[in-house]
């Protein structure tokens, strides 16, 4: 499986942005697709994830209520809708796949896409 993320860019604080991640290859119901983000010099942190089969979603506290993760199983694509963006959301965002069904730990994700930069200006 390969993952291709897109949708990053420059947005003003309070604005919205939607990221997409298209997966080539088969995604199984037991898999989890996630989004992580990383600021230069800091560790990559969990943002959100979704269980591919049942669609259950999980969020970091810092984005809960503002971000929404969703998937389109027919298109093999996962989305991250980001609303009410804040300057502290500025980061490179990565989509990822956990074949073992992990949720929050980046070490449990085995496939990563190339990141897409989101910059939120104040």
N, C-alpha and C. Protein backbone atom coordinates (compact mmCIF):
# COMPACT_ATOMS: atom_id res chain seq x y z
N UNK A 1 0.84 -1.19 0.00
CA UNK A 1 0.00 0.00 0.00
C UNK A 1 0.88 1.24 0.00
N UNK A 2 0.50 2.18 -0.84
CA UNK A 2 1.16 3.49 -0.83
C UNK A 2 0.11 4.55 -0.53
N UNK A 3 0.53 5.59 0.19
CA UNK A 3 -0.38 6.65 0.60
C UNK A 3 0.08 7.96 0.00
N UNK A 4 -0.87 8.71 -0.53
CA UNK A 4 -0.56 10.00 -1.15
C UNK A 4 -1.46 11.06 -0.54
N UNK A 5 -0.85 11.94 0.22
CA UNK A 5 -1.60 13.02 0.88
C UNK A 5 -1.57 14.29 0.04
N UNK A 6 -2.64 15.06 0.15
CA UNK A 6 -2.72 16.33 -0.55
C UNK A 6 -3.64 17.27 0.21
N UNK A 7 -3.62 18.54 -0.18
CA UNK A 7 -4.56 19.48 0.38
C UNK A 7 -3.98 20.52 1.31
N UNK A 8 -2.69 20.43 1.58
CA UNK A 8 -2.08 21.42 2.46
C UNK A 8 -1.98 22.77 1.79
N UNK A 9 -1.61 23.77 2.59
CA UNK A 9 -1.45 25.11 2.05
C UNK A 9 -1.49 26.14 3.15
N UNK A 10 -1.64 27.38 2.75
CA UNK A 10 -1.67 28.50 3.68
C UNK A 10 -3.12 28.90 3.93
N UNK A 11 -3.47 29.05 5.20
CA UNK A 11 -4.83 29.44 5.56
C UNK A 11 -4.77 30.39 6.75
N UNK A 12 -5.73 31.29 6.83
CA UNK A 12 -5.76 32.22 7.95
C UNK A 12 -6.37 31.57 9.18
N UNK A 13 -5.99 32.06 10.33
CA UNK A 13 -6.56 31.56 11.57
C UNK A 13 -8.08 31.71 11.52
N UNK A 14 -8.76 30.65 11.99
CA UNK A 14 -10.20 30.63 11.94
C UNK A 14 -10.76 30.01 10.68
N UNK A 15 -9.90 29.78 9.73
CA UNK A 15 -10.33 29.21 8.46
C UNK A 15 -10.37 27.69 8.48
N UNK A 16 -10.64 27.13 7.31
CA UNK A 16 -10.77 25.68 7.17
C UNK A 16 -9.88 25.15 6.06
N UNK A 17 -9.57 23.90 6.17
CA UNK A 17 -8.76 23.22 5.16
C UNK A 17 -9.14 21.75 5.20
N UNK A 18 -9.12 21.09 4.04
CA UNK A 18 -9.39 19.66 4.00
C UNK A 18 -8.21 18.94 3.38
N UNK A 19 -7.72 17.97 4.11
CA UNK A 19 -6.65 17.12 3.61
C UNK A 19 -7.24 15.81 3.09
N UNK A 20 -6.61 15.28 2.06
CA UNK A 20 -7.02 13.99 1.50
C UNK A 20 -5.83 13.06 1.49
N UNK A 21 -6.11 11.79 1.58
CA UNK A 21 -5.05 10.78 1.50
C UNK A 21 -5.59 9.59 0.73
N UNK A 22 -5.07 9.40 -0.46
CA UNK A 22 -5.49 8.30 -1.31
C UNK A 22 -4.56 7.12 -1.12
N UNK A 23 -5.14 5.97 -0.93
CA UNK A 23 -4.36 4.75 -0.73
C UNK A 23 -4.44 3.87 -1.97
N UNK A 24 -3.28 3.42 -2.41
CA UNK A 24 -3.25 2.42 -3.47
C UNK A 24 -3.13 1.07 -2.81
N UNK A 25 -3.84 0.08 -3.29
CA UNK A 25 -3.80 -1.22 -2.65
C UNK A 25 -4.98 -1.41 -1.72
N UNK A 26 -5.10 -2.60 -1.20
CA UNK A 26 -6.26 -2.98 -0.42
C UNK A 26 -6.13 -2.52 1.02
N UNK A 27 -7.22 -1.89 1.50
CA UNK A 27 -7.35 -1.55 2.91
C UNK A 27 -8.41 -2.46 3.50
N UNK A 28 -8.08 -3.16 4.56
CA UNK A 28 -9.00 -4.12 5.14
C UNK A 28 -9.77 -3.51 6.31
N UNK A 29 -10.88 -4.13 6.63
CA UNK A 29 -11.75 -3.61 7.67
C UNK A 29 -11.06 -3.51 9.02
N UNK A 30 -10.11 -4.35 9.26
CA UNK A 30 -9.40 -4.36 10.54
C UNK A 30 -8.32 -3.28 10.63
N UNK A 31 -8.06 -2.62 9.53
CA UNK A 31 -7.01 -1.61 9.51
C UNK A 31 -7.51 -0.29 10.08
N UNK A 32 -6.55 0.54 10.46
CA UNK A 32 -6.83 1.88 10.94
C UNK A 32 -6.04 2.87 10.09
N UNK A 33 -6.71 3.91 9.66
CA UNK A 33 -6.04 4.99 8.95
C UNK A 33 -5.97 6.20 9.87
N UNK A 34 -4.82 6.83 9.90
CA UNK A 34 -4.64 7.94 10.83
C UNK A 34 -3.96 9.14 10.21
N UNK A 35 -4.07 10.24 10.92
CA UNK A 35 -3.34 11.46 10.59
C UNK A 35 -2.47 11.83 11.77
N UNK A 36 -1.25 12.16 11.49
CA UNK A 36 -0.31 12.67 12.47
C UNK A 36 0.23 13.99 11.95
N UNK A 37 0.85 14.76 12.83
CA UNK A 37 1.48 16.00 12.39
C UNK A 37 2.79 16.20 13.12
N UNK A 38 3.64 16.97 12.48
CA UNK A 38 4.96 17.18 13.04
C UNK A 38 5.44 18.59 12.76
N UNK A 39 5.93 19.21 13.81
CA UNK A 39 6.58 20.51 13.72
C UNK A 39 8.07 20.27 13.81
N UNK A 40 8.82 21.03 13.05
CA UNK A 40 10.27 20.85 13.03
C UNK A 40 10.84 20.90 14.44
N UNK A 41 11.62 19.88 14.76
CA UNK A 41 12.25 19.83 16.07
C UNK A 41 11.43 19.15 17.14
N UNK A 42 10.20 18.75 16.78
CA UNK A 42 9.34 18.08 17.74
C UNK A 42 8.96 16.71 17.23
N UNK A 43 8.45 15.90 18.12
CA UNK A 43 8.03 14.56 17.74
C UNK A 43 6.73 14.60 16.93
N UNK A 44 6.57 13.61 16.09
CA UNK A 44 5.34 13.48 15.34
C UNK A 44 4.22 13.10 16.31
N UNK A 45 3.11 13.82 16.25
CA UNK A 45 2.04 13.59 17.21
C UNK A 45 0.76 13.14 16.53
N UNK A 46 0.03 12.37 17.27
CA UNK A 46 -1.26 11.85 16.80
C UNK A 46 -2.27 12.99 16.67
N UNK A 47 -3.07 12.94 15.58
CA UNK A 47 -4.13 13.92 15.38
C UNK A 47 -5.49 13.24 15.42
N UNK A 48 -5.67 12.24 14.56
CA UNK A 48 -6.96 11.56 14.46
C UNK A 48 -6.77 10.24 13.74
N UNK A 49 -7.71 9.33 13.96
CA UNK A 49 -7.69 8.08 13.21
C UNK A 49 -9.10 7.53 13.08
N UNK A 50 -9.24 6.57 12.18
CA UNK A 50 -10.54 5.99 11.91
C UNK A 50 -10.38 4.49 11.63
N UNK A 51 -11.23 3.73 12.22
CA UNK A 51 -11.27 2.29 11.94
C UNK A 51 -11.92 2.10 10.57
N UNK A 52 -11.19 1.45 9.67
CA UNK A 52 -11.63 1.41 8.28
C UNK A 52 -12.96 0.71 8.12
N UNK A 53 -13.18 -0.35 8.87
CA UNK A 53 -14.40 -1.12 8.69
C UNK A 53 -15.62 -0.43 9.27
N UNK A 54 -15.62 -0.17 10.55
CA UNK A 54 -16.81 0.34 11.23
C UNK A 54 -16.87 1.86 11.25
N UNK A 55 -15.77 2.51 10.95
CA UNK A 55 -15.79 3.97 10.87
C UNK A 55 -15.70 4.69 12.19
N UNK A 56 -15.35 3.99 13.27
CA UNK A 56 -15.19 4.68 14.54
C UNK A 56 -14.00 5.63 14.47
N UNK A 57 -14.15 6.79 15.08
CA UNK A 57 -13.14 7.83 14.99
C UNK A 57 -12.58 8.19 16.36
N UNK A 58 -11.34 8.66 16.36
CA UNK A 58 -10.63 9.01 17.59
C UNK A 58 -9.83 10.28 17.31
N UNK A 59 -9.75 11.15 18.31
CA UNK A 59 -9.10 12.44 18.12
C UNK A 59 -8.18 12.78 19.28
N UNK A 60 -7.15 13.54 18.97
CA UNK A 60 -6.35 14.18 20.02
C UNK A 60 -7.19 15.26 20.67
N UNK A 61 -6.98 15.49 21.94
CA UNK A 61 -7.75 16.50 22.65
C UNK A 61 -7.59 17.88 22.01
N UNK A 62 -6.43 18.14 21.45
CA UNK A 62 -6.14 19.46 20.91
C UNK A 62 -6.96 19.79 19.66
N UNK A 63 -7.53 18.78 19.02
CA UNK A 63 -8.28 19.02 17.78
C UNK A 63 -9.74 18.61 17.90
N UNK A 64 -10.09 18.01 19.01
CA UNK A 64 -11.45 17.52 19.18
C UNK A 64 -12.45 18.67 19.06
N UNK A 65 -13.48 18.46 18.27
CA UNK A 65 -14.48 19.50 18.05
C UNK A 65 -14.17 20.42 16.90
N UNK A 66 -12.94 20.37 16.40
CA UNK A 66 -12.54 21.22 15.27
C UNK A 66 -12.22 20.41 14.02
N UNK A 67 -11.63 19.24 14.22
CA UNK A 67 -11.22 18.39 13.09
C UNK A 67 -12.17 17.20 12.99
N UNK A 68 -12.37 16.74 11.76
CA UNK A 68 -13.18 15.56 11.52
C UNK A 68 -12.47 14.66 10.52
N UNK A 69 -12.31 13.41 10.90
CA UNK A 69 -11.72 12.43 10.01
C UNK A 69 -12.85 11.59 9.42
N UNK A 70 -12.73 11.27 8.15
CA UNK A 70 -13.74 10.47 7.47
C UNK A 70 -13.07 9.64 6.40
N UNK A 71 -13.75 8.58 5.96
CA UNK A 71 -13.17 7.77 4.89
C UNK A 71 -14.21 7.45 3.85
N UNK A 72 -13.74 7.28 2.64
CA UNK A 72 -14.57 6.84 1.53
C UNK A 72 -14.00 5.49 1.11
N UNK A 73 -14.69 4.44 1.46
CA UNK A 73 -14.15 3.12 1.22
C UNK A 73 -14.10 2.80 -0.26
N UNK A 74 -15.06 3.32 -1.01
CA UNK A 74 -15.07 3.07 -2.45
C UNK A 74 -13.88 3.72 -3.15
N UNK A 75 -13.49 4.89 -2.64
CA UNK A 75 -12.38 5.63 -3.24
C UNK A 75 -11.05 5.33 -2.55
N UNK A 76 -11.10 4.52 -1.51
CA UNK A 76 -9.86 4.21 -0.75
C UNK A 76 -9.16 5.48 -0.29
N UNK A 77 -9.95 6.40 0.22
CA UNK A 77 -9.42 7.71 0.58
C UNK A 77 -9.88 8.08 1.99
N UNK A 78 -8.98 8.69 2.73
CA UNK A 78 -9.31 9.21 4.05
C UNK A 78 -9.13 10.72 4.01
N UNK A 79 -10.01 11.41 4.72
CA UNK A 79 -10.01 12.87 4.72
C UNK A 79 -9.81 13.39 6.14
N UNK A 80 -9.28 14.59 6.21
CA UNK A 80 -9.21 15.30 7.48
C UNK A 80 -9.74 16.71 7.24
N UNK A 81 -10.95 16.96 7.71
CA UNK A 81 -11.54 18.28 7.62
C UNK A 81 -11.12 19.07 8.85
N UNK A 82 -10.48 20.19 8.62
CA UNK A 82 -9.95 20.99 9.73
C UNK A 82 -10.65 22.35 9.72
N UNK A 83 -11.36 22.62 10.79
CA UNK A 83 -12.07 23.88 10.93
C UNK A 83 -11.51 24.69 12.09
N UNK A 84 -11.81 25.97 12.10
CA UNK A 84 -11.36 26.86 13.17
C UNK A 84 -9.86 26.67 13.42
N UNK A 85 -9.11 26.73 12.36
CA UNK A 85 -7.67 26.48 12.46
C UNK A 85 -6.98 27.56 13.28
N UNK A 86 -5.94 27.14 13.99
CA UNK A 86 -5.17 28.03 14.86
C UNK A 86 -3.71 27.99 14.41
N UNK A 87 -2.97 29.03 14.72
CA UNK A 87 -1.55 29.03 14.34
C UNK A 87 -0.80 27.80 14.87
N UNK A 88 -1.20 27.30 16.02
CA UNK A 88 -0.52 26.12 16.58
C UNK A 88 -0.85 24.83 15.83
N UNK A 89 -1.75 24.89 14.87
CA UNK A 89 -2.02 23.74 14.01
C UNK A 89 -1.03 23.66 12.85
N UNK A 90 -0.21 24.69 12.71
CA UNK A 90 0.78 24.69 11.65
C UNK A 90 1.74 23.51 11.83
N UNK A 91 1.86 22.69 10.79
CA UNK A 91 2.69 21.49 10.86
C UNK A 91 2.68 20.79 9.51
N UNK A 92 3.54 19.82 9.39
CA UNK A 92 3.46 18.89 8.26
C UNK A 92 2.54 17.75 8.70
N UNK A 93 1.53 17.49 7.92
CA UNK A 93 0.55 16.46 8.25
C UNK A 93 0.83 15.21 7.42
N UNK A 94 0.79 14.08 8.12
CA UNK A 94 1.07 12.79 7.49
C UNK A 94 -0.12 11.86 7.65
N UNK A 95 -0.48 11.17 6.58
CA UNK A 95 -1.46 10.11 6.74
C UNK A 95 -0.72 8.79 6.90
N UNK A 96 -1.36 7.85 7.52
CA UNK A 96 -0.68 6.62 7.88
C UNK A 96 -1.66 5.47 7.99
N UNK A 97 -1.12 4.28 7.92
CA UNK A 97 -1.92 3.05 7.98
C UNK A 97 -1.36 2.14 9.07
N UNK A 98 -2.26 1.63 9.90
CA UNK A 98 -1.88 0.63 10.88
C UNK A 98 -2.58 -0.67 10.54
N UNK A 99 -1.82 -1.63 10.07
CA UNK A 99 -2.41 -2.93 9.72
C UNK A 99 -2.81 -3.71 10.96
N UNK A 100 -2.16 -3.41 12.08
CA UNK A 100 -2.50 -4.14 13.30
C UNK A 100 -3.65 -3.50 14.07
N UNK A 101 -4.17 -2.40 13.51
CA UNK A 101 -5.33 -1.79 14.14
C UNK A 101 -5.05 -0.91 15.32
N UNK A 102 -3.81 -0.42 15.40
CA UNK A 102 -3.47 0.47 16.50
C UNK A 102 -4.15 1.83 16.32
N UNK A 103 -4.22 2.58 17.39
CA UNK A 103 -4.93 3.85 17.34
C UNK A 103 -3.98 5.04 17.48
N UNK A 104 -3.33 5.20 18.64
CA UNK A 104 -2.67 6.45 18.99
C UNK A 104 -1.15 6.46 18.82
N UNK A 105 -0.54 5.29 18.88
CA UNK A 105 0.92 5.23 18.88
C UNK A 105 1.47 5.23 17.47
N UNK A 106 2.30 6.20 17.16
CA UNK A 106 2.88 6.28 15.82
C UNK A 106 3.74 5.06 15.51
N UNK A 107 4.30 4.44 16.54
CA UNK A 107 5.15 3.27 16.33
C UNK A 107 4.36 2.05 15.85
N UNK A 108 3.05 2.11 15.98
CA UNK A 108 2.21 0.99 15.56
C UNK A 108 1.67 1.18 14.14
N UNK A 109 2.06 2.27 13.50
CA UNK A 109 1.66 2.51 12.12
C UNK A 109 2.82 2.09 11.22
N UNK A 110 2.52 1.31 10.20
CA UNK A 110 3.58 0.72 9.40
C UNK A 110 3.74 1.34 8.02
N UNK A 111 2.79 2.15 7.60
CA UNK A 111 2.89 2.77 6.28
C UNK A 111 2.59 4.25 6.42
N UNK A 112 3.43 5.05 5.78
CA UNK A 112 3.30 6.51 5.88
C UNK A 112 3.34 7.13 4.49
N UNK A 113 2.52 8.15 4.34
CA UNK A 113 2.58 8.95 3.13
C UNK A 113 3.57 10.09 3.30
N UNK A 114 3.85 10.75 2.20
CA UNK A 114 4.66 11.95 2.28
C UNK A 114 3.80 13.05 2.88
N UNK A 115 4.37 13.85 3.70
CA UNK A 115 3.60 14.85 4.41
C UNK A 115 3.13 15.98 3.51
N UNK A 116 2.14 16.69 4.01
CA UNK A 116 1.65 17.89 3.35
C UNK A 116 1.64 19.01 4.38
N UNK A 117 2.19 20.16 4.00
CA UNK A 117 2.36 21.25 4.94
C UNK A 117 1.10 22.10 5.04
N UNK A 118 0.68 22.33 6.26
CA UNK A 118 -0.42 23.25 6.55
C UNK A 118 0.16 24.39 7.37
N UNK A 119 -0.03 25.60 6.88
CA UNK A 119 0.45 26.79 7.57
C UNK A 119 -0.73 27.67 7.89
N UNK A 120 -0.89 27.97 9.17
CA UNK A 120 -1.99 28.81 9.62
C UNK A 120 -1.42 30.15 10.07
N UNK A 121 -1.83 31.20 9.41
CA UNK A 121 -1.32 32.53 9.73
C UNK A 121 -2.25 33.22 10.72
N UNK A 122 -1.66 34.00 11.59
CA UNK A 122 -2.45 34.70 12.62
C UNK A 122 -2.93 36.06 12.12
